[in-house]
């Protein structure tokens, strides 16, 4: 890929919500949720298909009232690309080679709060969310709801005794 990488953020099939300083992005196609901190969200918002990383860094330095280096922007672009939030999925090799450790060493302890963070989580599908996200086998009697609320799970259909959830008390 050429050195002048012009990133462009995804815009379709996304639900975006601002929560404090963080931006939550839900990708409806992949059922993935992402939490972008203030810096990562600012970089992502500037990815309009017209600006390269140097121009994004210049704009964010003004917008965030804190010096933002090209390396910080490259690091954010690598995370956004890794998580599929950019239209061109692969960032140049120079962007992918930057590590959080090297950025922290160069920036110092005071600038750690200005490092971009993109956290990805898998969102449950509707059926998983309904049952708590656990896939339970339907033919296992230990997962059935007892007819009597005081009765241990599994005892109404298995003829009493112990179940994996409620072992018998030793007497």
Protein backbone atom coordinates (compact mmCIF):
# COMPACT_ATOMS: atom_id res chain seq x y z
CA UNK A 1 0.00 0.00 0.00
CA UNK A 2 1.32 3.49 -0.65
CA UNK A 3 2.71 5.66 2.17
CA UNK A 4 -0.13 8.19 1.95
CA UNK A 5 -2.89 6.18 3.56
CA UNK A 6 -6.27 7.97 3.51
CA UNK A 7 -8.54 6.20 6.03
CA UNK A 8 -12.30 6.22 5.71
CA UNK A 9 -14.54 5.05 8.56
CA UNK A 10 -17.48 2.69 8.21
CA UNK A 11 -20.80 4.49 8.24
CA UNK A 12 -23.44 1.88 7.31
CA UNK A 13 -25.14 -0.62 9.62
CA UNK A 14 -23.72 1.06 12.71
CA UNK A 15 -25.45 2.29 15.84
CA UNK A 16 -23.36 5.00 17.52
CA UNK A 17 -23.90 6.48 20.96
CA UNK A 18 -21.85 8.95 22.96
CA UNK A 19 -21.52 8.02 26.67
CA UNK A 20 -19.44 10.54 28.57
CA UNK A 21 -16.03 10.75 26.91
CA UNK A 22 -16.47 7.39 25.22
CA UNK A 23 -18.18 6.42 21.99
CA UNK A 24 -20.02 3.12 21.69
CA UNK A 25 -20.25 1.68 18.19
CA UNK A 26 -22.43 -1.35 17.45
CA UNK A 27 -21.90 -3.08 14.11
CA UNK A 28 -25.30 -4.55 13.25
CA UNK A 29 -23.92 -6.82 10.52
CA UNK A 30 -21.32 -8.56 12.68
CA UNK A 31 -23.10 -8.22 16.04
CA UNK A 32 -19.98 -6.64 17.52
CA UNK A 33 -19.79 -3.73 19.91
CA UNK A 34 -16.82 -1.40 20.29
CA UNK A 35 -15.96 1.15 22.93
CA UNK A 36 -13.69 3.95 21.74
CA UNK A 37 -12.05 6.27 24.23
CA UNK A 38 -11.95 10.00 23.55
CA UNK A 39 -8.80 9.92 21.39
CA UNK A 40 -9.76 6.83 19.37
CA UNK A 41 -13.24 8.29 18.76
CA UNK A 42 -11.74 11.60 17.64
CA UNK A 43 -9.41 9.81 15.20
CA UNK A 44 -12.30 7.69 13.90
CA UNK A 45 -14.49 10.77 13.36
CA UNK A 46 -11.74 12.41 11.30
CA UNK A 47 -11.45 9.36 9.01
CA UNK A 48 -13.54 10.90 6.23
CA UNK A 49 -11.61 9.65 3.19
CA UNK A 50 -9.96 13.04 2.69
CA UNK A 51 -7.29 13.31 5.42
CA UNK A 52 -4.08 11.37 5.92
CA UNK A 53 -2.68 10.57 9.38
CA UNK A 54 -0.53 13.72 9.55
CA UNK A 55 -3.48 16.01 8.84
CA UNK A 56 -5.65 14.07 11.32
CA UNK A 57 -2.93 14.57 13.98
CA UNK A 58 -2.82 18.32 13.26
CA UNK A 59 -6.61 18.67 13.50
CA UNK A 60 -6.82 16.64 16.72
CA UNK A 61 -4.07 18.69 18.36
CA UNK A 62 -6.36 21.71 17.98
CA UNK A 63 -9.63 19.88 18.68
CA UNK A 64 -8.40 18.11 21.86
CA UNK A 65 -6.16 20.98 23.00
CA UNK A 66 -3.31 18.53 23.52
CA UNK A 67 -0.44 17.58 21.20
CA UNK A 68 -1.39 14.46 19.23
CA UNK A 69 1.48 12.91 17.27
CA UNK A 70 1.31 11.11 13.96
CA UNK A 71 2.35 7.94 15.82
CA UNK A 72 -0.70 8.18 18.11
CA UNK A 73 -2.96 8.55 15.08
CA UNK A 74 -1.22 5.61 13.36
CA UNK A 75 -1.72 3.50 16.47
CA UNK A 76 -5.43 4.38 16.56
CA UNK A 77 -5.76 3.59 12.84
CA UNK A 78 -4.17 0.18 13.41
CA UNK A 79 -6.72 -0.60 16.15
CA UNK A 80 -9.66 0.70 14.11
CA UNK A 81 -8.49 -1.29 11.10
CA UNK A 82 -7.98 -4.44 13.20
CA UNK A 83 -11.56 -4.17 14.48
CA UNK A 84 -13.06 -3.55 11.04
CA UNK A 85 -14.19 0.03 11.68
CA UNK A 86 -12.44 1.40 8.58
CA UNK A 87 -13.60 0.81 5.00
CA UNK A 88 -10.12 -0.19 3.84
CA UNK A 89 -9.35 -3.01 6.28
CA UNK A 90 -5.57 -3.18 6.05
CA UNK A 91 -3.51 -0.25 7.25
CA UNK A 92 0.02 0.17 5.87
CA UNK A 93 2.78 -1.93 7.44
CA UNK A 94 4.27 1.13 9.17
CA UNK A 95 0.98 1.69 11.00
CA UNK A 96 0.65 -1.92 12.13
CA UNK A 97 4.21 -1.97 13.52
CA UNK A 98 3.51 0.59 16.28
CA UNK A 99 3.02 -0.85 19.76
CA UNK A 100 1.36 0.62 22.84
CA UNK A 101 4.56 0.00 24.80
CA UNK A 102 6.69 2.05 22.40
CA UNK A 103 4.15 4.88 22.44
CA UNK A 104 4.07 4.92 26.25
CA UNK A 105 7.87 4.94 26.42
CA UNK A 106 8.08 7.93 24.08
CA UNK A 107 5.12 9.85 25.48
CA UNK A 108 5.86 9.40 29.16
CA UNK A 109 3.54 8.60 32.03
CA UNK A 110 1.65 11.89 31.81
CA UNK A 111 0.50 11.28 28.25
CA UNK A 112 -0.83 7.75 28.79
CA UNK A 113 -4.38 9.12 29.05
CA UNK A 114 -4.05 10.44 25.51
CA UNK A 115 -3.39 7.01 24.01
CA UNK A 116 -6.21 5.69 21.84
CA UNK A 117 -8.08 2.63 23.06
CA UNK A 118 -10.58 0.54 21.08
CA UNK A 119 -12.16 -2.29 23.07
CA UNK A 120 -14.21 -4.87 21.17
CA UNK A 121 -16.83 -7.15 22.69
CA UNK A 122 -19.08 -9.75 21.13
CA UNK A 123 -22.72 -8.79 21.53
CA UNK A 124 -25.13 -11.69 22.09
CA UNK A 125 -27.75 -12.46 19.47
CA UNK A 126 -31.38 -12.12 20.57
CA UNK A 127 -31.84 -15.80 21.51
CA UNK A 128 -28.63 -15.82 23.54
CA UNK A 129 -29.52 -12.60 25.32
CA UNK A 130 -32.89 -14.08 26.30
CA UNK A 131 -31.36 -17.06 28.10
CA UNK A 132 -28.43 -15.18 29.61
CA UNK A 133 -26.05 -15.98 26.77
CA UNK A 134 -25.73 -19.64 27.76
CA UNK A 135 -26.44 -22.41 25.29
CA UNK A 136 -28.13 -25.15 27.34
CA UNK A 137 -29.06 -28.57 25.95
CA UNK A 138 -32.83 -28.95 25.93
CA UNK A 139 -32.84 -32.68 26.75
CA UNK A 140 -30.89 -32.39 30.04
CA UNK A 141 -33.36 -32.68 32.96
CA UNK A 142 -31.02 -30.78 35.29
CA UNK A 143 -31.82 -27.60 33.34
CA UNK A 144 -35.60 -27.84 33.66
CA UNK A 145 -37.65 -25.63 35.94
CA UNK A 146 -39.25 -27.67 38.76
CA UNK A 147 -43.03 -27.68 39.17
CA UNK A 148 -42.68 -26.92 42.89
CA UNK A 149 -40.55 -23.80 43.52
CA UNK A 150 -39.13 -25.40 46.70
CA UNK A 151 -38.06 -28.53 44.83
CA UNK A 152 -34.42 -28.74 43.59
CA UNK A 153 -33.86 -28.44 39.87
CA UNK A 154 -33.88 -31.82 38.12
CA UNK A 155 -35.63 -33.73 40.90
CA UNK A 156 -39.15 -33.56 39.41
CA UNK A 157 -38.10 -35.36 36.22
CA UNK A 158 -35.19 -37.49 37.33
CA UNK A 159 -36.93 -39.29 40.19
CA UNK A 160 -35.17 -37.39 42.95
CA UNK A 161 -31.55 -37.69 43.90
CA UNK A 162 -28.79 -35.32 43.03
CA UNK A 163 -28.31 -33.08 40.04
CA UNK A 164 -25.20 -31.30 38.78
CA UNK A 165 -26.59 -28.04 40.19
CA UNK A 166 -27.82 -29.38 43.57
CA UNK A 167 -25.91 -32.43 44.80
CA UNK A 168 -27.48 -34.51 47.55
CA UNK A 169 -26.56 -33.56 51.09
CA UNK A 170 -24.41 -36.23 52.72
CA UNK A 171 -26.36 -37.72 55.63
